[in-house]
Amino acid sequence: MNAPNLFDRLEGYARENFTTETLAYILQTNPEIRRRFVRLIDRQNEELKAFGDFSVETQDAYDLGRPDLILVPKKKKTQKIFIEVKTQAQEGKAQLSRYLKIGAYVAYLTPPGFTPHSDVGKRTGFLGHFFWHDVYRIIDSATPKDTSSSVSKQFLAYLEARNMGPIKPMTEEELRSAENAVGFFKKSHALVDKVRGEIELEWKKRFGRNVGAKETCMDTGDVGLHLWWFRTKKWEKSPSKLYLCIGTCLDGKRRQKAYFFVGFGSSRKLFVRRLQHSSKKKLSKLSDHGWREVDEPGYEWGYYKYFPLTAGKIERAASRHADQARTTINECMRLGILDRIEKSA
């Protein structure tokens, strides 16, 4: 049986904020990790050699935004570093550009596969794009190996479970299939994007304006390919944090089959526990109709329905999967699941 992980139990209120606050705590309490962290984000910038020791702040409000993580040097407090942290969602509209206008240095920390939307690559003050596996490496190298129950070690296990840990070695099987992988990946993105184009307006009319993802993005899950998620303003403010989603993924066992999926879920674990208790019978009906519950480390909680991808023209496949998305959500509505979630919130 796996040892209990403190972070698995506490992350329910908001994964991105939770992960940022945990990193801030580790930086604030471990001088060696603080030093290595600054070296990481200063690897190509000579101006920060004398940055020195610093305090860590989170979510401070400025006129042009609210940076996730702020490093404030103890000697020269005007020389701040703003770090925009992502774990799931892509960069908001011109976030990095806005932070540069404040006059601070700016770094971008994400899982692999995220791309800055702001054109900041050559801007003065932009330190670069960094990844969670880089942060994992410096925390791991600065943490004694015999402290399995320490905060740092539990945080590393948490990052691994959410696919933000070290990148695994390439296998012979991956190399053999690499020739076709790039082409298929592009087609997967195009498929999800075309399905999104067919159903987004319908969902808007039915549920409300989408404040979720504005475009199809890469799914950073272990077997995920591409994803688009839909959330209304009402759901955004609700304790349920309900969302609908569509996407593509690989078979989790041998990863030889690809699927299109439709689903709904929540990132709020405390709400989910209440829902599972109060709506056990309704949720069990979903399983009877071929839905599968996903509630594993590294995933949001939700119910998903999977449809095999088949060979053929992208346009025909998109039309077929758009119909599946309509039928699937209609089925969910008939069973009263989404209404139940809204009432439970």
Protein backbone atom coordinates (compact mmCIF):
# COMPACT_ATOMS: atom_id res chain seq x y z
CA MET A 1 0.00 0.00 0.00
CA ASN A 2 1.38 3.42 -0.93
CA ALA A 3 2.21 5.78 1.93
CA PRO A 4 -0.31 8.60 2.38
CA ASN A 5 0.72 11.81 0.64
CA LEU A 6 -0.15 15.08 2.35
CA PHE A 7 -0.43 16.99 -0.93
CA ASP A 8 -2.87 14.52 -2.49
CA ARG A 9 -5.18 15.25 0.42
CA LEU A 10 -4.84 19.03 0.41
CA GLU A 11 -4.81 20.07 -3.24
CA GLY A 12 -8.61 20.10 -3.69
CA TYR A 13 -9.22 23.84 -3.60
CA ALA A 14 -7.22 24.71 -6.73
CA ARG A 15 -4.32 22.69 -8.08
CA GLU A 16 -2.37 25.53 -9.66
CA ASN A 17 -2.56 27.78 -6.58
CA PHE A 18 -1.89 24.85 -4.30
CA THR A 19 1.21 23.76 -6.23
CA THR A 20 2.51 27.35 -6.31
CA GLU A 21 2.04 27.79 -2.56
CA THR A 22 3.83 24.51 -1.85
CA LEU A 23 6.79 25.49 -4.02
CA ALA A 24 6.85 28.89 -2.27
CA TYR A 25 6.99 27.16 1.12
CA ILE A 26 9.87 24.90 0.06
CA LEU A 27 11.81 27.86 -1.34
CA GLN A 28 11.16 29.91 1.78
CA THR A 29 12.33 27.16 4.16
CA ASN A 30 15.28 25.63 2.29
CA PRO A 31 18.22 27.99 1.53
CA GLU A 32 20.00 25.48 -0.73
CA ILE A 33 16.93 24.97 -2.93
CA ARG A 34 16.49 28.78 -3.04
CA ARG A 35 20.04 29.21 -4.37
CA ARG A 36 19.64 26.46 -6.99
CA PHE A 37 16.27 27.80 -8.07
CA VAL A 38 17.73 31.24 -8.83
CA ARG A 39 20.62 29.64 -10.73
CA LEU A 40 18.06 27.71 -12.79
CA ILE A 41 16.08 30.76 -13.90
CA ASP A 42 19.24 32.88 -14.27
CA ARG A 43 21.12 30.48 -16.50
CA GLN A 44 21.34 32.95 -19.42
CA ASN A 45 21.18 36.29 -17.58
CA GLU A 46 24.27 38.01 -16.21
CA GLU A 47 22.33 40.76 -14.41
CA LEU A 48 21.11 38.50 -11.61
CA LYS A 49 24.47 37.19 -10.41
CA ALA A 50 24.22 39.40 -7.32
CA PHE A 51 20.53 38.67 -6.72
CA GLY A 52 21.38 37.12 -3.35
CA ASP A 53 18.96 35.74 -0.83
CA PHE A 54 15.30 36.55 -1.18
CA SER A 55 11.84 36.23 0.31
CA VAL A 56 8.95 34.59 -1.50
CA GLU A 57 5.53 36.13 -2.03
CA THR A 58 2.48 34.80 -3.89
CA GLN A 59 -0.51 36.33 -5.64
CA ASP A 60 0.32 39.98 -4.88
CA ALA A 61 -1.96 42.31 -6.85
CA TYR A 62 -0.55 44.87 -9.30
CA ASP A 63 -2.32 47.19 -11.72
CA LEU A 64 -1.44 44.90 -14.65
CA GLY A 65 -2.06 41.53 -13.03
CA ARG A 66 -1.44 39.14 -10.14
CA PRO A 67 1.80 37.14 -10.61
CA ASP A 68 1.75 33.64 -9.12
CA LEU A 69 5.18 33.63 -7.51
CA ILE A 70 7.35 36.66 -6.65
CA LEU A 71 10.98 36.55 -5.55
CA VAL A 72 11.97 39.69 -3.65
CA PRO A 73 15.72 40.15 -2.99
CA LYS A 74 16.53 41.19 0.56
CA LYS A 75 19.22 43.65 -0.54
CA LYS A 76 17.51 45.33 -3.49
CA LYS A 77 13.75 44.96 -3.17
CA THR A 78 13.01 46.71 -6.47
CA GLN A 79 14.71 43.92 -8.45
CA LYS A 80 11.82 41.46 -8.26
CA ILE A 81 11.32 38.29 -10.28
CA PHE A 82 7.75 37.42 -11.30
CA ILE A 83 7.15 33.74 -12.09
CA GLU A 84 3.98 32.79 -13.92
CA VAL A 85 3.16 29.23 -12.84
CA LYS A 86 1.04 26.80 -14.85
CA THR A 87 0.03 23.22 -14.14
CA GLN A 88 -2.96 22.75 -16.49
CA ALA A 89 -4.27 25.92 -18.13
CA GLN A 90 -2.29 27.79 -20.76
CA GLU A 91 -1.12 31.40 -20.35
CA GLY A 92 -3.89 33.96 -20.04
CA LYS A 93 -4.15 36.87 -22.44
CA ALA A 94 -0.74 38.60 -22.60
CA GLN A 95 0.07 37.72 -18.96
CA LEU A 96 3.82 37.62 -19.47
CA SER A 97 3.84 40.86 -21.48
CA ARG A 98 1.86 42.64 -18.78
CA TYR A 99 4.26 41.54 -16.05
CA LEU A 100 7.24 42.81 -18.04
CA LYS A 101 5.57 46.23 -18.24
CA ILE A 102 5.59 46.39 -14.43
CA GLY A 103 9.39 46.48 -14.65
CA ALA A 104 10.28 43.14 -13.05
CA TYR A 105 12.13 40.16 -14.42
CA VAL A 106 9.71 37.47 -15.63
CA ALA A 107 10.00 33.68 -15.91
CA TYR A 108 7.46 31.10 -17.11
CA LEU A 109 7.15 27.73 -15.30
CA THR A 110 4.96 25.00 -16.86
CA PRO A 111 4.75 21.30 -17.71
CA PRO A 112 6.24 20.35 -21.12
CA GLY A 113 4.13 21.20 -24.16
CA PHE A 114 3.04 24.66 -23.04
CA THR A 115 3.93 27.61 -25.26
CA PRO A 116 3.93 31.28 -24.18
CA HIS A 117 1.18 33.16 -26.02
CA SER A 118 2.92 36.47 -25.40
CA ASP A 119 5.74 37.36 -27.80
CA VAL A 120 8.34 37.81 -25.07
CA GLY A 121 11.22 35.59 -26.18
CA LYS A 122 13.60 38.45 -26.95
CA ARG A 123 12.19 41.06 -24.54
CA THR A 124 14.52 42.59 -21.96
CA GLY A 125 13.73 41.14 -18.56
CA PHE A 126 12.29 37.82 -19.78
CA LEU A 127 14.40 35.09 -18.16
CA GLY A 128 12.95 32.20 -20.12
CA HIS A 129 10.56 29.26 -20.14
CA PHE A 130 11.23 26.60 -17.49
CA PHE A 131 9.61 23.28 -16.71
CA TRP A 132 8.48 21.42 -13.64
CA HIS A 133 10.91 18.59 -14.29
CA ASP A 134 13.73 21.18 -13.90
CA VAL A 135 12.32 22.19 -10.52
CA TYR A 136 11.91 18.51 -9.58
CA ARG A 137 15.59 17.91 -10.34
CA ILE A 138 16.92 20.73 -8.13
CA ILE A 139 14.62 19.84 -5.21
CA ASP A 140 15.57 16.17 -5.52
CA SER A 141 19.31 16.89 -5.67
CA ALA A 142 19.12 19.18 -2.60
CA THR A 143 17.04 16.80 -0.47
CA PRO A 144 18.71 14.08 1.65
CA LYS A 145 17.82 10.59 0.41
CA ASP A 146 16.91 9.28 3.88
CA THR A 147 14.00 11.70 4.48
CA SER A 148 11.16 9.93 2.70
CA SER A 149 8.53 11.61 4.86
CA SER A 150 9.83 15.18 4.41
CA VAL A 151 7.75 17.88 2.77
CA SER A 152 10.16 18.05 -0.17
CA LYS A 153 10.02 14.28 -0.80
CA GLN A 154 6.24 14.21 -0.63
CA PHE A 155 6.09 17.16 -3.02
CA LEU A 156 8.32 15.28 -5.47
CA ALA A 157 5.99 12.27 -5.31
CA TYR A 158 3.07 14.63 -5.90
CA LEU A 159 4.78 16.09 -9.01
CA GLU A 160 5.50 12.61 -10.36
CA ALA A 161 1.86 11.55 -9.90
CA ARG A 162 0.76 14.59 -11.90
CA ASN A 163 3.24 13.98 -14.74
CA MET A 164 5.36 16.98 -13.77
CA GLY A 165 8.30 14.94 -12.54
CA PRO A 166 11.43 13.74 -14.38
CA ILE A 167 11.11 12.86 -18.05
CA LYS A 168 11.32 9.11 -18.47
CA PRO A 169 13.97 7.55 -20.77
CA MET A 170 13.04 6.86 -24.40
CA THR A 171 12.25 3.22 -25.11
CA GLU A 172 12.97 1.11 -28.17
CA GLU A 173 9.22 0.82 -28.79
CA GLU A 174 8.86 4.63 -28.81
CA LEU A 175 11.75 5.01 -31.21
CA ARG A 176 10.29 2.40 -33.59
CA SER A 177 6.97 4.25 -33.72
CA ALA A 178 8.45 7.77 -33.84
CA GLU A 179 8.29 7.97 -37.63
CA ASN A 180 4.47 8.09 -37.59
CA ALA A 181 4.03 9.88 -34.27
CA VAL A 182 4.44 13.48 -35.48
CA GLY A 183 1.89 13.14 -38.27
CA PHE A 184 -0.66 11.47 -36.01
CA PHE A 185 -0.17 14.12 -33.32
CA LYS A 186 -1.00 16.91 -35.78
CA LYS A 187 -4.10 15.06 -36.94
CA SER A 188 -5.21 14.52 -33.34
CA HIS A 189 -5.02 18.27 -32.70
CA ALA A 190 -6.95 19.02 -35.90
CA LEU A 191 -9.64 16.47 -35.01
CA VAL A 192 -10.31 17.87 -31.54
CA ASP A 193 -10.25 21.42 -32.90
CA LYS A 194 -12.84 20.59 -35.58
CA VAL A 195 -15.12 18.88 -33.05
CA ARG A 196 -14.78 21.93 -30.80
CA GLY A 197 -15.81 24.13 -33.72
CA GLU A 198 -18.99 22.10 -34.22
CA ILE A 199 -20.19 21.94 -30.61
CA GLU A 200 -18.90 25.08 -28.86
CA LEU A 201 -21.77 27.33 -29.99
CA GLU A 202 -24.32 24.65 -29.06
CA TRP A 203 -22.88 24.30 -25.57
CA LYS A 204 -22.79 28.08 -25.21
CA LYS A 205 -26.52 28.33 -26.03
CA ARG A 206 -27.32 25.46 -23.70
CA PHE A 207 -25.14 26.22 -20.68
CA GLY A 208 -23.77 29.76 -21.04
CA ARG A 209 -20.67 31.55 -22.31
CA ASN A 210 -17.44 29.59 -22.13
CA VAL A 211 -14.74 30.97 -19.84
CA GLY A 212 -12.67 27.78 -20.06
CA ALA A 213 -10.13 26.99 -22.76
CA LYS A 214 -10.42 29.19 -25.83
CA GLU A 215 -8.61 26.74 -28.06
CA THR A 216 -7.51 23.12 -28.26
CA CYS A 217 -4.38 22.44 -26.24
CA MET A 218 -1.98 19.60 -25.62
CA ASP A 219 -3.11 17.27 -22.83
CA THR A 220 -0.15 16.79 -20.49
CA GLY A 221 -1.61 13.65 -18.90
CA ASP A 222 0.36 10.42 -19.10
CA VAL A 223 -1.72 9.05 -21.98
CA GLY A 224 -3.36 12.30 -23.08
CA LEU A 225 -2.96 13.78 -26.56
CA HIS A 226 -5.20 16.83 -26.96
CA LEU A 227 -7.92 18.43 -24.89
CA TRP A 228 -10.52 21.19 -24.95
CA TRP A 229 -12.50 22.01 -21.84
CA PHE A 230 -15.61 24.12 -21.41
CA ARG A 231 -16.69 25.98 -18.28
CA THR A 232 -19.29 28.71 -17.82
CA LYS A 233 -18.86 31.71 -15.54
CA LYS A 234 -21.49 30.19 -13.24
CA TRP A 235 -19.51 26.96 -12.97
CA GLU A 236 -16.27 28.89 -12.50
CA LYS A 237 -17.67 30.62 -9.40
CA SER A 238 -19.44 27.54 -8.09
CA PRO A 239 -17.87 25.28 -5.43
CA SER A 240 -18.21 22.44 -7.94
CA LYS A 241 -15.80 23.92 -10.50
CA LEU A 242 -17.73 21.83 -13.03
CA TYR A 243 -16.36 21.49 -16.56
CA LEU A 244 -17.17 19.61 -19.75
CA CYS A 245 -14.40 18.38 -22.00
CA ILE A 246 -13.52 16.57 -25.21
CA GLY A 247 -10.19 15.21 -26.33
CA THR A 248 -8.03 12.38 -27.58
CA CYS A 249 -5.92 9.91 -25.63
CA LEU A 250 -4.09 6.60 -25.90
CA ASP A 251 -4.95 3.28 -24.32
CA GLY A 252 -3.56 3.45 -20.79
CA LYS A 253 -2.38 -0.18 -20.83
CA ARG A 254 -0.38 -0.75 -24.01
CA ARG A 255 -0.89 2.67 -25.62
CA GLN A 256 -1.49 1.10 -29.02
CA LYS A 257 -5.05 2.33 -29.48
CA ALA A 258 -6.26 5.91 -29.67
CA TYR A 259 -9.62 7.17 -28.44
CA PHE A 260 -11.83 10.23 -28.61
CA PHE A 261 -13.47 11.04 -25.28
CA VAL A 262 -16.23 13.20 -23.87
CA GLY A 263 -16.53 13.92 -20.19
CA PHE A 264 -17.31 16.14 -17.26
CA GLY A 265 -15.52 16.63 -13.99
CA SER A 266 -14.37 18.81 -11.14
CA SER A 267 -11.05 19.85 -9.62
CA ARG A 268 -12.55 20.32 -6.14
CA LYS A 269 -11.96 17.15 -4.16
CA LEU A 270 -13.98 18.18 -1.12
CA PHE A 271 -16.98 18.86 -3.36
CA VAL A 272 -16.43 15.56 -5.18
CA ARG A 273 -16.49 13.59 -1.94
CA ARG A 274 -19.82 15.16 -1.00
CA LEU A 275 -21.21 14.49 -4.47
CA GLN A 276 -20.10 10.85 -4.44
CA HIS A 277 -21.89 10.39 -1.13
CA SER A 278 -25.11 12.23 -2.05
CA SER A 279 -25.44 11.02 -5.67
CA LYS A 280 -24.11 7.47 -5.51
CA LYS A 281 -27.11 5.94 -7.32
CA LYS A 282 -27.17 8.54 -10.09
CA LEU A 283 -23.45 8.20 -10.71
CA SER A 284 -23.72 4.41 -10.83
CA LYS A 285 -26.19 4.80 -13.71
CA LEU A 286 -23.42 6.41 -15.73
CA SER A 287 -21.30 3.28 -15.36
CA ASP A 288 -24.27 1.23 -16.60
CA HIS A 289 -24.26 3.39 -19.76
CA GLY A 290 -20.55 2.89 -20.48
CA TRP A 291 -19.11 5.90 -18.68
CA ARG A 292 -15.88 5.41 -16.75
CA GLU A 293 -14.98 7.18 -13.54
CA VAL A 294 -11.48 8.66 -13.43
CA ASP A 295 -10.24 9.50 -9.95
CA GLU A 296 -6.56 8.66 -9.96
CA PRO A 297 -3.40 10.60 -8.99
CA GLY A 298 -2.52 12.97 -11.81
CA TYR A 299 -6.09 13.37 -13.06
CA GLU A 300 -9.05 15.55 -12.22
CA TRP A 301 -12.07 13.64 -10.95
CA GLY A 302 -14.67 13.00 -13.61
CA TYR A 303 -16.71 10.61 -15.72
CA TYR A 304 -15.61 10.00 -19.30
CA LYS A 305 -16.93 8.07 -22.26
CA TYR A 306 -14.46 6.73 -24.83
CA PHE A 307 -14.87 6.08 -28.56
CA PRO A 308 -12.16 4.38 -30.68
CA LEU A 309 -10.54 6.52 -33.37
CA THR A 310 -10.78 4.96 -36.81
CA ALA A 311 -8.99 5.59 -40.08
CA GLY A 312 -10.55 8.02 -42.55
CA LYS A 313 -10.89 11.69 -43.41
CA ILE A 314 -10.58 14.13 -40.53
CA GLU A 315 -13.78 15.96 -41.52
CA ARG A 316 -15.89 12.78 -41.39
CA ALA A 317 -14.31 11.71 -38.12
CA ALA A 318 -14.94 15.15 -36.61
CA SER A 319 -18.59 15.06 -37.64
CA ARG A 320 -19.00 11.58 -36.15
CA HIS A 321 -17.31 12.50 -32.87
CA ALA A 322 -19.26 15.76 -32.62
CA ASP A 323 -22.45 13.67 -32.78
CA GLN A 324 -21.03 11.42 -30.08
CA ALA A 325 -20.35 14.47 -27.92
CA ARG A 326 -23.94 15.66 -28.36
CA THR A 327 -25.39 12.23 -27.61
CA THR A 328 -23.14 11.73 -24.61
CA ILE A 329 -23.96 15.05 -22.95
CA ASN A 330 -27.68 14.56 -23.72
CA GLU A 331 -27.45 11.19 -21.98
CA CYS A 332 -25.84 12.84 -18.98
CA MET A 333 -28.61 15.47 -18.91
CA ARG A 334 -31.36 12.83 -19.13
CA LEU A 335 -29.90 11.10 -16.11
CA GLY A 336 -29.96 14.42 -14.27
CA ILE A 337 -26.24 14.34 -13.46
CA LEU A 338 -25.28 17.91 -14.38
CA ASP A 339 -28.40 19.28 -12.67
CA ARG A 340 -27.49 17.29 -9.59
CA ILE A 341 -23.97 18.72 -9.58
CA GLU A 342 -25.29 22.29 -9.87
CA LYS A 343 -27.77 21.72 -7.03
CA SER A 344 -25.13 20.06 -4.86
CA ALA A 345 -22.88 23.10 -5.26
